[in-house]
């Protein structure tokens, strides 16, 4: 029910033209207000407090839809941040909240959050700082854009006097939630990219027939379909835990698997589209740009694969096949 209602807003408000306008500096007020006024930022809040009280698995298709539409506001991050702040007993501030899965301190005391999603437009940042949970005022930060055209991601820095006290010692939950959110977003964008590529190959004719009927093209499309399907399953697994925060190992596996698919799918999609696929006017770049950005967010596949590998090594006398089978069965049970 919630997924269909949210998708209706996305279809009406988050058109490619609207995404482009926000990337060029138009305020995202219309999109943000539509989601906020409908109550969709409180999906994890208990029903007694005016929320939907959704379990974690119900978020997977919603966050995947956000990626499928290239949603240009931190709705998923704000949903997670509101839940984490509520658990910490902290009032939720007004405005857009994004997540910073890892921050570092410079020798002169400056707190730096690298490549924060929606860092250029968010009002607040809920951050993981050395395992502690901090709520930072983004308006007090120095914001540096990535330099990628249209990107809303940025590096934020706060002087020591603008850094508040920690809210708790559960900062790692920010990293896990952010990784799971990006895994879902990647899965959604991959699905959209595959759909666009399949449609183009069916519509584009060469030598008297659609290029989708050539065996070499069909082979590439089948490889794309396998990666897209695998990424979708992995993203669902990230949100399979019974608690309110994604579990560590499923989130790591999901972020690793979806990130691994990004360069393969994006490259093949652009190759099959040919020259039109690299133009600004064509919508493909709206998704492939984000795919590469989301792949790097919170650490690419090498970071998360290392975490999975360490979990395997902790289980002495367990083969890789047994580890995969027992881990997946435990997660999906």
C-alpha atoms as a PDB file:
ATOM      1  CA  UNK A   1       0.000   0.000   0.000  1.00  0.00           C
ATOM      2  CA  UNK A   2       2.713   2.489   0.979  1.00  0.00           C
ATOM      3  CA  UNK A   3       4.890   1.577  -1.994  1.00  0.00           C
ATOM      4  CA  UNK A   4       2.082   2.219  -4.483  1.00  0.00           C
ATOM      5  CA  UNK A   5       1.179   5.545  -2.848  1.00  0.00           C
ATOM      6  CA  UNK A   6       4.791   6.710  -2.823  1.00  0.00           C
ATOM      7  CA  UNK A   7       5.309   5.614  -6.425  1.00  0.00           C
ATOM      8  CA  UNK A   8       2.341   7.752  -7.424  1.00  0.00           C
ATOM      9  CA  UNK A   9       4.069  10.804  -5.936  1.00  0.00           C
ATOM     10  CA  UNK A  10       7.317   9.839  -7.640  1.00  0.00           C
ATOM     11  CA  UNK A  11       5.600   9.478 -11.015  1.00  0.00           C
ATOM     12  CA  UNK A  12       3.931  12.867 -10.665  1.00  0.00           C
ATOM     13  CA  UNK A  13       6.722  14.870  -9.048  1.00  0.00           C
ATOM     14  CA  UNK A  14      10.039  13.189  -9.833  1.00  0.00           C
ATOM     15  CA  UNK A  15      10.150  13.425 -13.596  1.00  0.00           C
ATOM     16  CA  UNK A  16      13.478  13.628 -15.435  1.00  0.00           C
ATOM     17  CA  UNK A  17      12.749  17.320 -16.035  1.00  0.00           C
ATOM     18  CA  UNK A  18      12.219  17.907 -12.311  1.00  0.00           C
ATOM     19  CA  UNK A  19      15.435  16.052 -11.451  1.00  0.00           C
ATOM     20  CA  UNK A  20      17.386  18.150 -13.937  1.00  0.00           C
ATOM     21  CA  UNK A  21      15.913  21.354 -12.547  1.00  0.00           C
ATOM     22  CA  UNK A  22      16.924  20.459  -8.979  1.00  0.00           C
ATOM     23  CA  UNK A  23      20.406  19.522 -10.157  1.00  0.00           C
ATOM     24  CA  UNK A  24      20.677  23.004 -11.682  1.00  0.00           C
ATOM     25  CA  UNK A  25      19.774  24.714  -8.417  1.00  0.00           C
ATOM     26  CA  UNK A  26      15.984  24.751  -8.194  1.00  0.00           C
ATOM     27  CA  UNK A  27      14.820  24.185  -4.622  1.00  0.00           C
ATOM     28  CA  UNK A  28      13.458  20.651  -4.121  1.00  0.00           C
ATOM     29  CA  UNK A  29      10.546  22.018  -2.101  1.00  0.00           C
ATOM     30  CA  UNK A  30       7.754  20.509  -4.197  1.00  0.00           C
ATOM     31  CA  UNK A  31       9.135  16.973  -4.008  1.00  0.00           C
ATOM     32  CA  UNK A  32      10.106  17.183  -0.342  1.00  0.00           C
ATOM     33  CA  UNK A  33       6.829  18.754   0.772  1.00  0.00           C
ATOM     34  CA  UNK A  34       4.800  16.139  -1.090  1.00  0.00           C
ATOM     35  CA  UNK A  35       6.549  13.306   0.759  1.00  0.00           C
ATOM     36  CA  UNK A  36       6.519  15.075   4.122  1.00  0.00           C
ATOM     37  CA  UNK A  37       2.885  16.169   3.983  1.00  0.00           C
ATOM     38  CA  UNK A  38       1.807  12.642   3.099  1.00  0.00           C
ATOM     39  CA  UNK A  39       3.571  11.369   6.238  1.00  0.00           C
ATOM     40  CA  UNK A  40       6.019   9.187   4.354  1.00  0.00           C
ATOM     41  CA  UNK A  41       9.020  10.391   6.353  1.00  0.00           C
ATOM     42  CA  UNK A  42       7.603   8.635   9.432  1.00  0.00           C
ATOM     43  CA  UNK A  43       7.405   5.129   8.027  1.00  0.00           C
ATOM     44  CA  UNK A  44       9.433   3.706  10.929  1.00  0.00           C
ATOM     45  CA  UNK A  45       7.715   5.691  13.671  1.00  0.00           C
ATOM     46  CA  UNK A  46       5.268   3.744  15.876  1.00  0.00           C
ATOM     47  CA  UNK A  47       1.597   4.101  15.004  1.00  0.00           C
ATOM     48  CA  UNK A  48       0.961   5.525  18.485  1.00  0.00           C
ATOM     49  CA  UNK A  49       3.233   8.441  17.550  1.00  0.00           C
ATOM     50  CA  UNK A  50       1.576   9.111  14.225  1.00  0.00           C
ATOM     51  CA  UNK A  51       3.859   6.923  12.118  1.00  0.00           C
ATOM     52  CA  UNK A  52       3.288   3.878   9.955  1.00  0.00           C
ATOM     53  CA  UNK A  53       5.149   1.441  12.200  1.00  0.00           C
ATOM     54  CA  UNK A  54       6.542  -0.455   9.219  1.00  0.00           C
ATOM     55  CA  UNK A  55       8.931  -3.361   9.779  1.00  0.00           C
ATOM     56  CA  UNK A  56      12.357  -3.075   8.211  1.00  0.00           C
ATOM     57  CA  UNK A  57      11.662  -5.466   5.263  1.00  0.00           C
ATOM     58  CA  UNK A  58       8.816  -3.224   4.091  1.00  0.00           C
ATOM     59  CA  UNK A  59      11.321  -0.429   3.396  1.00  0.00           C
ATOM     60  CA  UNK A  60      13.225  -2.344   0.717  1.00  0.00           C
ATOM     61  CA  UNK A  61      10.753  -1.823  -2.167  1.00  0.00           C
ATOM     62  CA  UNK A  62      10.239   1.817  -1.147  1.00  0.00           C
ATOM     63  CA  UNK A  63      13.929   2.653  -1.077  1.00  0.00           C
ATOM     64  CA  UNK A  64      14.403   0.741  -4.329  1.00  0.00           C
ATOM     65  CA  UNK A  65      11.713   2.911  -5.906  1.00  0.00           C
ATOM     66  CA  UNK A  66      13.616   6.012  -4.770  1.00  0.00           C
ATOM     67  CA  UNK A  67      16.594   4.789  -6.773  1.00  0.00           C
ATOM     68  CA  UNK A  68      14.452   3.851  -9.757  1.00  0.00           C
ATOM     69  CA  UNK A  69      13.236   7.448 -10.013  1.00  0.00           C
ATOM     70  CA  UNK A  70      16.592   9.091  -9.137  1.00  0.00           C
ATOM     71  CA  UNK A  71      14.866  10.867  -6.249  1.00  0.00           C
ATOM     72  CA  UNK A  72      16.809  14.130  -5.711  1.00  0.00           C
ATOM     73  CA  UNK A  73      16.045  14.533  -1.992  1.00  0.00           C
ATOM     74  CA  UNK A  74      17.322  12.516   1.025  1.00  0.00           C
ATOM     75  CA  UNK A  75      13.980  10.881   1.809  1.00  0.00           C
ATOM     76  CA  UNK A  76      15.444   7.451   2.615  1.00  0.00           C
ATOM     77  CA  UNK A  77      18.179   9.012   4.745  1.00  0.00           C
ATOM     78  CA  UNK A  78      15.642  11.158   6.597  1.00  0.00           C
ATOM     79  CA  UNK A  79      13.396   8.171   7.303  1.00  0.00           C
ATOM     80  CA  UNK A  80      16.363   6.325   8.830  1.00  0.00           C
ATOM     81  CA  UNK A  81      17.652   9.397  10.681  1.00  0.00           C
ATOM     82  CA  UNK A  82      14.275  10.070  12.281  1.00  0.00           C
ATOM     83  CA  UNK A  83      14.143   6.500  13.581  1.00  0.00           C
ATOM     84  CA  UNK A  84      17.679   6.665  14.981  1.00  0.00           C
ATOM     85  CA  UNK A  85      17.039  10.051  16.620  1.00  0.00           C
ATOM     86  CA  UNK A  86      13.808   8.788  18.141  1.00  0.00           C
ATOM     87  CA  UNK A  87      15.639   5.805  19.620  1.00  0.00           C
ATOM     88  CA  UNK A  88      18.169   8.229  21.104  1.00  0.00           C
ATOM     89  CA  UNK A  89      15.385  10.323  22.633  1.00  0.00           C
ATOM     90  CA  UNK A  90      16.309  13.367  20.569  1.00  0.00           C
ATOM     91  CA  UNK A  91      13.702  15.664  18.960  1.00  0.00           C
ATOM     92  CA  UNK A  92      13.744  15.495  15.170  1.00  0.00           C
ATOM     93  CA  UNK A  93      14.780  18.827  13.637  1.00  0.00           C
ATOM     94  CA  UNK A  94      12.852  20.330  10.749  1.00  0.00           C
ATOM     95  CA  UNK A  95      14.234  19.970   7.259  1.00  0.00           C
ATOM     96  CA  UNK A  96      16.130  17.410   5.246  1.00  0.00           C
ATOM     97  CA  UNK A  97      18.460  15.073   7.133  1.00  0.00           C
ATOM     98  CA  UNK A  98      21.119  13.011   5.427  1.00  0.00           C
ATOM     99  CA  UNK A  99      23.524  10.379   6.744  1.00  0.00           C
ATOM    100  CA  UNK A 100      27.318  10.327   6.956  1.00  0.00           C
ATOM    101  CA  UNK A 101      28.493   6.777   7.547  1.00  0.00           C
ATOM    102  CA  UNK A 102      32.041   7.745   8.512  1.00  0.00           C
ATOM    103  CA  UNK A 103      33.763  11.002   9.489  1.00  0.00           C
ATOM    104  CA  UNK A 104      37.347  11.853  10.314  1.00  0.00           C
ATOM    105  CA  UNK A 105      39.007  14.508  12.437  1.00  0.00           C
ATOM    106  CA  UNK A 106      41.959  16.496  11.165  1.00  0.00           C
ATOM    107  CA  UNK A 107      44.888  17.369  13.464  1.00  0.00           C
ATOM    108  CA  UNK A 108      43.516  20.902  13.920  1.00  0.00           C
ATOM    109  CA  UNK A 109      40.167  19.574  15.206  1.00  0.00           C
ATOM    110  CA  UNK A 110      38.083  19.989  12.043  1.00  0.00           C
ATOM    111  CA  UNK A 111      35.465  17.275  11.545  1.00  0.00           C
ATOM    112  CA  UNK A 112      35.258  16.182   7.915  1.00  0.00           C
ATOM    113  CA  UNK A 113      32.574  14.057   6.242  1.00  0.00           C
ATOM    114  CA  UNK A 114      33.614  12.969   2.771  1.00  0.00           C
ATOM    115  CA  UNK A 115      31.192  12.644  -0.142  1.00  0.00           C
ATOM    116  CA  UNK A 116      28.017  12.981   1.894  1.00  0.00           C
ATOM    117  CA  UNK A 117      24.917  12.094  -0.161  1.00  0.00           C
ATOM    118  CA  UNK A 118      22.787  15.226  -0.631  1.00  0.00           C
ATOM    119  CA  UNK A 119      25.433  17.071   1.345  1.00  0.00           C
ATOM    120  CA  UNK A 120      24.981  20.196  -0.792  1.00  0.00           C
ATOM    121  CA  UNK A 121      21.266  20.542  -0.057  1.00  0.00           C
ATOM    122  CA  UNK A 122      20.545  18.906   3.321  1.00  0.00           C
ATOM    123  CA  UNK A 123      19.829  20.884   6.471  1.00  0.00           C
ATOM    124  CA  UNK A 124      21.284  18.370   8.941  1.00  0.00           C
ATOM    125  CA  UNK A 125      23.686  15.439   8.938  1.00  0.00           C
ATOM    126  CA  UNK A 126      23.353  12.455  11.253  1.00  0.00           C
ATOM    127  CA  UNK A 127      26.891  11.161  11.445  1.00  0.00           C
ATOM    128  CA  UNK A 128      28.961   8.265  12.671  1.00  0.00           C
ATOM    129  CA  UNK A 129      32.051   9.763  14.323  1.00  0.00           C
ATOM    130  CA  UNK A 130      34.373   7.106  15.735  1.00  0.00           C
ATOM    131  CA  UNK A 131      31.368   4.979  16.657  1.00  0.00           C
ATOM    132  CA  UNK A 132      29.443   7.855  18.241  1.00  0.00           C
ATOM    133  CA  UNK A 133      26.172   9.314  16.970  1.00  0.00           C
ATOM    134  CA  UNK A 134      26.239  13.069  16.228  1.00  0.00           C
ATOM    135  CA  UNK A 135      23.615  15.398  14.790  1.00  0.00           C
ATOM    136  CA  UNK A 136      25.393  18.124  12.845  1.00  0.00           C
ATOM    137  CA  UNK A 137      24.018  21.380  11.476  1.00  0.00           C
ATOM    138  CA  UNK A 138      24.818  21.351   7.761  1.00  0.00           C
ATOM    139  CA  UNK A 139      24.290  25.119   7.516  1.00  0.00           C
ATOM    140  CA  UNK A 140      27.359  25.611   9.734  1.00  0.00           C
ATOM    141  CA  UNK A 141      29.545  23.419   7.549  1.00  0.00           C
ATOM    142  CA  UNK A 142      31.863  24.357   4.740  1.00  0.00           C
ATOM    143  CA  UNK A 143      30.448  22.539   1.715  1.00  0.00           C
ATOM    144  CA  UNK A 144      32.659  21.475  -1.173  1.00  0.00           C
ATOM    145  CA  UNK A 145      30.974  19.953  -4.241  1.00  0.00           C
ATOM    146  CA  UNK A 146      32.369  16.867  -5.936  1.00  0.00           C
ATOM    147  CA  UNK A 147      32.874  18.674  -9.227  1.00  0.00           C
ATOM    148  CA  UNK A 148      30.651  16.195 -11.057  1.00  0.00           C
ATOM    149  CA  UNK A 149      28.011  18.079 -13.004  1.00  0.00           C
ATOM    150  CA  UNK A 150      24.601  17.792 -11.400  1.00  0.00           C
ATOM    151  CA  UNK A 151      25.794  15.980  -8.292  1.00  0.00           C
ATOM    152  CA  UNK A 152      24.123  16.898  -4.994  1.00  0.00           C
ATOM    153  CA  UNK A 153      26.836  15.054  -3.070  1.00  0.00           C
ATOM    154  CA  UNK A 154      29.485  17.062  -1.249  1.00  0.00           C
ATOM    155  CA  UNK A 155      32.243  17.021   1.336  1.00  0.00           C
ATOM    156  CA  UNK A 156      31.292  18.858   4.533  1.00  0.00           C
ATOM    157  CA  UNK A 157      33.646  20.209   7.208  1.00  0.00           C
ATOM    158  CA  UNK A 158      32.852  21.651  10.649  1.00  0.00           C
ATOM    159  CA  UNK A 159      35.152  23.619  12.933  1.00  0.00           C
ATOM    160  CA  UNK A 160      35.481  22.188  16.425  1.00  0.00           C
ATOM    161  CA  UNK A 161      33.177  24.816  17.942  1.00  0.00           C
ATOM    162  CA  UNK A 162      30.343  23.689  15.618  1.00  0.00           C
ATOM    163  CA  UNK A 163      30.573  20.022  16.621  1.00  0.00           C
ATOM    164  CA  UNK A 164      28.011  19.092  19.315  1.00  0.00           C
ATOM    165  CA  UNK A 165      28.271  16.381  21.950  1.00  0.00           C
ATOM    166  CA  UNK A 166      27.549  12.802  20.999  1.00  0.00           C
ATOM    167  CA  UNK A 167      23.982  11.536  21.292  1.00  0.00           C
ATOM    168  CA  UNK A 168      25.041   7.962  21.959  1.00  0.00           C
ATOM    169  CA  UNK A 169      27.481   5.212  21.104  1.00  0.00           C
ATOM    170  CA  UNK A 170      25.486   3.694  18.245  1.00  0.00           C
ATOM    171  CA  UNK A 171      27.102   5.608  15.415  1.00  0.00           C
ATOM    172  CA  UNK A 172      27.842   2.415  13.485  1.00  0.00           C
ATOM    173  CA  UNK A 173      24.095   2.071  12.895  1.00  0.00           C
ATOM    174  CA  UNK A 174      24.346   5.136  10.640  1.00  0.00           C
ATOM    175  CA  UNK A 175      26.915   3.415   8.440  1.00  0.00           C
ATOM    176  CA  UNK A 176      24.851   0.214   8.199  1.00  0.00           C
ATOM    177  CA  UNK A 177      21.638   2.059   7.410  1.00  0.00           C
ATOM    178  CA  UNK A 178      23.371   4.228   4.829  1.00  0.00           C
ATOM    179  CA  UNK A 179      24.951   1.205   3.150  1.00  0.00           C
ATOM    180  CA  UNK A 180      21.606  -0.604   2.975  1.00  0.00           C
ATOM    181  CA  UNK A 181      19.924   2.524   1.589  1.00  0.00           C
ATOM    182  CA  UNK A 182      22.526   2.826  -1.145  1.00  0.00           C
ATOM    183  CA  UNK A 183      22.230  -0.863  -1.971  1.00  0.00           C
ATOM    184  CA  UNK A 184      18.487  -0.419  -2.496  1.00  0.00           C
ATOM    185  CA  UNK A 185      19.001   2.767  -4.515  1.00  0.00           C
ATOM    186  CA  UNK A 186      21.544   1.001  -6.730  1.00  0.00           C
ATOM    187  CA  UNK A 187      19.136  -1.902  -7.282  1.00  0.00           C
ATOM    188  CA  UNK A 188      16.388   0.502  -8.319  1.00  0.00           C
ATOM    189  CA  UNK A 189      18.589   2.512 -10.675  1.00  0.00           C
ATOM    190  CA  UNK A 190      19.999  -0.680 -12.223  1.00  0.00           C
ATOM    191  CA  UNK A 191      16.468  -1.836 -12.909  1.00  0.00           C
ATOM    192  CA  UNK A 192      15.633   1.469 -14.605  1.00  0.00           C
ATOM    193  CA  UNK A 193      18.849   1.390 -16.671  1.00  0.00           C
ATOM    194  CA  UNK A 194      18.122  -2.162 -17.814  1.00  0.00           C
ATOM    195  CA  UNK A 195      14.560  -1.250 -18.770  1.00  0.00           C
ATOM    196  CA  UNK A 196      15.760   1.740 -20.803  1.00  0.00           C
ATOM    197  CA  UNK A 197      18.423  -0.357 -22.518  1.00  0.00           C
ATOM    198  CA  UNK A 198      16.031  -3.181 -23.379  1.00  0.00           C
ATOM    199  CA  UNK A 199      13.503  -0.726 -24.797  1.00  0.00           C
ATOM    200  CA  UNK A 200      16.158   1.029 -26.862  1.00  0.00           C
ATOM    201  CA  UNK A 201      17.446  -2.251 -28.288  1.00  0.00           C
ATOM    202  CA  UNK A 202      13.924  -3.236 -29.276  1.00  0.00           C
ATOM    203  CA  UNK A 203      13.214   0.154 -30.871  1.00  0.00           C
ATOM    204  CA  UNK A 204      16.543   0.763 -32.646  1.00  0.00           C
ATOM    205  CA  UNK A 205      16.678  -0.847 -36.079  1.00  0.00           C
ATOM    206  CA  UNK A 206      19.752  -1.756 -38.090  1.00  0.00           C
ATOM    207  CA  UNK A 207      19.999  -3.845 -41.275  1.00  0.00           C
ATOM    208  CA  UNK A 208      16.238  -4.151 -41.362  1.00  0.00           C
ATOM    209  CA  UNK A 209      15.597  -5.443 -37.820  1.00  0.00           C
ATOM    210  CA  UNK A 210      15.829  -4.290 -34.223  1.00  0.00           C
ATOM    211  CA  UNK A 211      19.295  -4.569 -32.745  1.00  0.00           C
ATOM    212  CA  UNK A 212      17.784  -6.531 -29.849  1.00  0.00           C
ATOM    213  CA  UNK A 213      17.429  -9.496 -32.204  1.00  0.00           C
ATOM    214  CA  UNK A 214      21.166  -9.773 -32.823  1.00  0.00           C
ATOM    215  CA  UNK A 215      22.748 -12.573 -30.827  1.00  0.00           C
ATOM    216  CA  UNK A 216      25.649 -10.470 -29.537  1.00  0.00           C
ATOM    217  CA  UNK A 217      23.237  -7.870 -28.194  1.00  0.00           C
ATOM    218  CA  UNK A 218      20.995 -10.531 -26.668  1.00  0.00           C
ATOM    219  CA  UNK A 219      24.009 -11.960 -24.858  1.00  0.00           C
ATOM    220  CA  UNK A 220      24.830  -8.575 -23.324  1.00  0.00           C
ATOM    221  CA  UNK A 221      21.203  -8.022 -22.330  1.00  0.00           C
ATOM    222  CA  UNK A 222      21.084 -11.411 -20.617  1.00  0.00           C
ATOM    223  CA  UNK A 223      24.212 -10.560 -18.609  1.00  0.00           C
ATOM    224  CA  UNK A 224      22.627  -7.251 -17.614  1.00  0.00           C
ATOM    225  CA  UNK A 225      19.454  -9.024 -16.519  1.00  0.00           C
ATOM    226  CA  UNK A 226      21.433 -11.407 -14.303  1.00  0.00           C
ATOM    227  CA  UNK A 227      23.235  -8.567 -12.515  1.00  0.00           C
ATOM    228  CA  UNK A 228      20.032  -6.567 -12.063  1.00  0.00           C
ATOM    229  CA  UNK A 229      18.185  -9.548 -10.606  1.00  0.00           C
ATOM    230  CA  UNK A 230      21.053 -10.406  -8.279  1.00  0.00           C
ATOM    231  CA  UNK A 231      21.313  -6.810  -7.078  1.00  0.00           C
ATOM    232  CA  UNK A 232      17.589  -6.728  -6.346  1.00  0.00           C
ATOM    233  CA  UNK A 233      17.793  -9.860  -4.214  1.00  0.00           C
ATOM    234  CA  UNK A 234      20.842  -8.517  -2.380  1.00  0.00           C
ATOM    235  CA  UNK A 235      19.098  -5.228  -1.617  1.00  0.00           C
ATOM    236  CA  UNK A 236      16.090  -7.043  -0.169  1.00  0.00           C
ATOM    237  CA  UNK A 237      18.434  -9.097   2.000  1.00  0.00           C
ATOM    238  CA  UNK A 238      19.890  -5.923   3.529  1.00  0.00           C
ATOM    239  CA  UNK A 239      16.485  -5.115   5.017  1.00  0.00           C
ATOM    240  CA  UNK A 240      15.585  -8.648   6.093  1.00  0.00           C
ATOM    241  CA  UNK A 241      16.409  -8.239   9.786  1.00  0.00           C
ATOM    242  CA  UNK A 242      13.603  -8.254  12.343  1.00  0.00           C
ATOM    243  CA  UNK A 243      14.987  -5.203  14.144  1.00  0.00           C
ATOM    244  CA  UNK A 244      14.815  -1.516  13.213  1.00  0.00           C
ATOM    245  CA  UNK A 245      18.366  -1.283  11.845  1.00  0.00           C
ATOM    246  CA  UNK A 246      19.922  -3.394   9.046  1.00  0.00           C
ATOM    247  CA  UNK A 247      22.152  -6.164  10.384  1.00  0.00           C
ATOM    248  CA  UNK A 248      25.875  -5.874   9.743  1.00  0.00           C
ATOM    249  CA  UNK A 249      26.556  -8.896   7.550  1.00  0.00           C
ATOM    250  CA  UNK A 250      23.479  -8.674   5.287  1.00  0.00           C
ATOM    251  CA  UNK A 251      24.114  -4.950   4.772  1.00  0.00           C
ATOM    252  CA  UNK A 252      27.755  -5.651   3.902  1.00  0.00           C
ATOM    253  CA  UNK A 253      26.847  -8.382   1.431  1.00  0.00           C
ATOM    254  CA  UNK A 254      24.159  -6.222  -0.176  1.00  0.00           C
ATOM    255  CA  UNK A 255      26.370  -3.146  -0.585  1.00  0.00           C
ATOM    256  CA  UNK A 256      29.201  -5.273  -1.974  1.00  0.00           C
ATOM    257  CA  UNK A 257      27.036  -7.132  -4.478  1.00  0.00           C
ATOM    258  CA  UNK A 258      25.148  -4.109  -5.759  1.00  0.00           C
ATOM    259  CA  UNK A 259      28.324  -2.045  -6.028  1.00  0.00           C
ATOM    260  CA  UNK A 260      30.010  -4.803  -8.029  1.00  0.00           C
ATOM    261  CA  UNK A 261      27.215  -4.652 -10.593  1.00  0.00           C
ATOM    262  CA  UNK A 262      27.496  -0.904 -11.197  1.00  0.00           C
ATOM    263  CA  UNK A 263      30.493  -0.647 -13.575  1.00  0.00           C
ATOM    264  CA  UNK A 264      29.400  -3.726 -15.524  1.00  0.00           C
ATOM    265  CA  UNK A 265      25.800  -2.639 -16.056  1.00  0.00           C
ATOM    266  CA  UNK A 266      26.567   1.037 -16.629  1.00  0.00           C
ATOM    267  CA  UNK A 267      29.287   0.304 -19.200  1.00  0.00           C
ATOM    268  CA  UNK A 268      27.184  -2.223 -21.105  1.00  0.00           C
ATOM    269  CA  UNK A 269      24.132   0.054 -21.097  1.00  0.00           C
ATOM    270  CA  UNK A 270      26.107   2.949 -22.565  1.00  0.00           C
ATOM    271  CA  UNK A 271      27.724   0.659 -25.126  1.00  0.00           C
ATOM    272  CA  UNK A 272      24.366  -0.689 -26.303  1.00  0.00           C
ATOM    273  CA  UNK A 273      22.894   2.799 -26.517  1.00  0.00           C
ATOM    274  CA  UNK A 274      25.796   4.006 -28.613  1.00  0.00           C
ATOM    275  CA  UNK A 275      26.321   7.729 -29.127  1.00  0.00           C
ATOM    276  CA  UNK A 276      22.940   8.828 -27.786  1.00  0.00           C
ATOM    277  CA  UNK A 277      23.700   7.268 -24.403  1.00  0.00           C
ATOM    278  CA  UNK A 278      26.395   9.804 -23.527  1.00  0.00           C
ATOM    279  CA  UNK A 279      24.353  12.924 -24.240  1.00  0.00           C
ATOM    280  CA  UNK A 280      23.040  15.184 -21.480  1.00  0.00           C
ATOM    281  CA  UNK A 281      19.598  15.345 -23.086  1.00  0.00           C
ATOM    282  CA  UNK A 282      19.112  11.580 -22.853  1.00  0.00           C
ATOM    283  CA  UNK A 283      17.913  10.305 -19.465  1.00  0.00           C
ATOM    284  CA  UNK A 284      20.383   7.421 -19.150  1.00  0.00           C
ATOM    285  CA  UNK A 285      23.063   9.627 -17.598  1.00  0.00           C
ATOM    286  CA  UNK A 286      20.715  10.650 -14.779  1.00  0.00           C
ATOM    287  CA  UNK A 287      20.950   7.085 -13.485  1.00  0.00           C
ATOM    288  CA  UNK A 288      24.462   5.985 -14.438  1.00  0.00           C
ATOM    289  CA  UNK A 289      25.980   9.082 -12.804  1.00  0.00           C
ATOM    290  CA  UNK A 290      24.176   8.227  -9.608  1.00  0.00           C
ATOM    291  CA  UNK A 291      25.129   4.578  -9.850  1.00  0.00           C
ATOM    292  CA  UNK A 292      28.829   5.434  -9.833  1.00  0.00           C
ATOM    293  CA  UNK A 293      28.290   7.889  -6.968  1.00  0.00           C
ATOM    294  CA  UNK A 294      26.316   5.366  -4.899  1.00  0.00           C
ATOM    295  CA  UNK A 295      28.885   2.673  -5.564  1.00  0.00           C
ATOM    296  CA  UNK A 296      31.539   4.802  -3.852  1.00  0.00           C
ATOM    297  CA  UNK A 297      29.246   5.936  -1.020  1.00  0.00           C
ATOM    298  CA  UNK A 298      30.038   4.341   2.362  1.00  0.00           C
ATOM    299  CA  UNK A 299      32.837   2.373   0.721  1.00  0.00           C
ATOM    300  CA  UNK A 300      32.817   0.450  -2.543  1.00  0.00           C
ATOM    301  CA  UNK A 301      32.675  -3.321  -2.884  1.00  0.00           C
ATOM    302  CA  UNK A 302      36.265  -3.855  -1.708  1.00  0.00           C
ATOM    303  CA  UNK A 303      35.475  -2.337   1.701  1.00  0.00           C
ATOM    304  CA  UNK A 304      32.359  -4.422   2.263  1.00  0.00           C
ATOM    305  CA  UNK A 305      33.815  -7.595   0.767  1.00  0.00           C
ATOM    306  CA  UNK A 306      36.598  -7.328   3.323  1.00  0.00           C
ATOM    307  CA  UNK A 307      33.984  -7.233   6.083  1.00  0.00           C
ATOM    308  CA  UNK A 308      32.307 -10.340   4.678  1.00  0.00           C
ATOM    309  CA  UNK A 309      35.674 -12.057   4.320  1.00  0.00           C
ATOM    310  CA  UNK A 310      36.562 -11.334   7.933  1.00  0.00           C
ATOM    311  CA  UNK A 311      33.254 -12.871   9.010  1.00  0.00           C
ATOM    312  CA  UNK A 312      34.134 -15.998   7.045  1.00  0.00           C
ATOM    313  CA  UNK A 313      37.606 -16.237   8.590  1.00  0.00           C
ATOM    314  CA  UNK A 314      36.101 -15.983  12.061  1.00  0.00           C
ATOM    315  CA  UNK A 315      34.321 -19.268  11.407  1.00  0.00           C
ATOM    316  CA  UNK A 316      37.119 -21.788  11.449  1.00  0.00           C
ATOM    317  CA  UNK A 317      36.603 -25.065   9.629  1.00  0.00           C
ATOM    318  CA  UNK A 318      33.785 -23.578   7.521  1.00  0.00           C
ATOM    319  CA  UNK A 319      34.020 -23.741   3.745  1.00  0.00           C
ATOM    320  CA  UNK A 320      33.012 -20.804   1.559  1.00  0.00           C
ATOM    321  CA  UNK A 321      30.046 -22.785   0.211  1.00  0.00           C
ATOM    322  CA  UNK A 322      28.834 -23.659   3.706  1.00  0.00           C
ATOM    323  CA  UNK A 323      29.307 -20.084   4.861  1.00  0.00           C
ATOM    324  CA  UNK A 324      27.255 -18.724   1.965  1.00  0.00           C
ATOM    325  CA  UNK A 325      24.538 -21.308   2.398  1.00  0.00           C
ATOM    326  CA  UNK A 326      24.168 -21.051   6.173  1.00  0.00           C
ATOM    327  CA  UNK A 327      24.511 -17.267   6.209  1.00  0.00           C
ATOM    328  CA  UNK A 328      21.903 -16.733   3.520  1.00  0.00           C
ATOM    329  CA  UNK A 329      19.526 -19.223   5.107  1.00  0.00           C
ATOM    330  CA  UNK A 330      19.874 -17.474   8.466  1.00  0.00           C
ATOM    331  CA  UNK A 331      19.287 -14.071   6.913  1.00  0.00           C
ATOM    332  CA  UNK A 332      16.321 -15.068   4.789  1.00  0.00           C
ATOM    333  CA  UNK A 333      14.659 -17.307   7.391  1.00  0.00           C
END
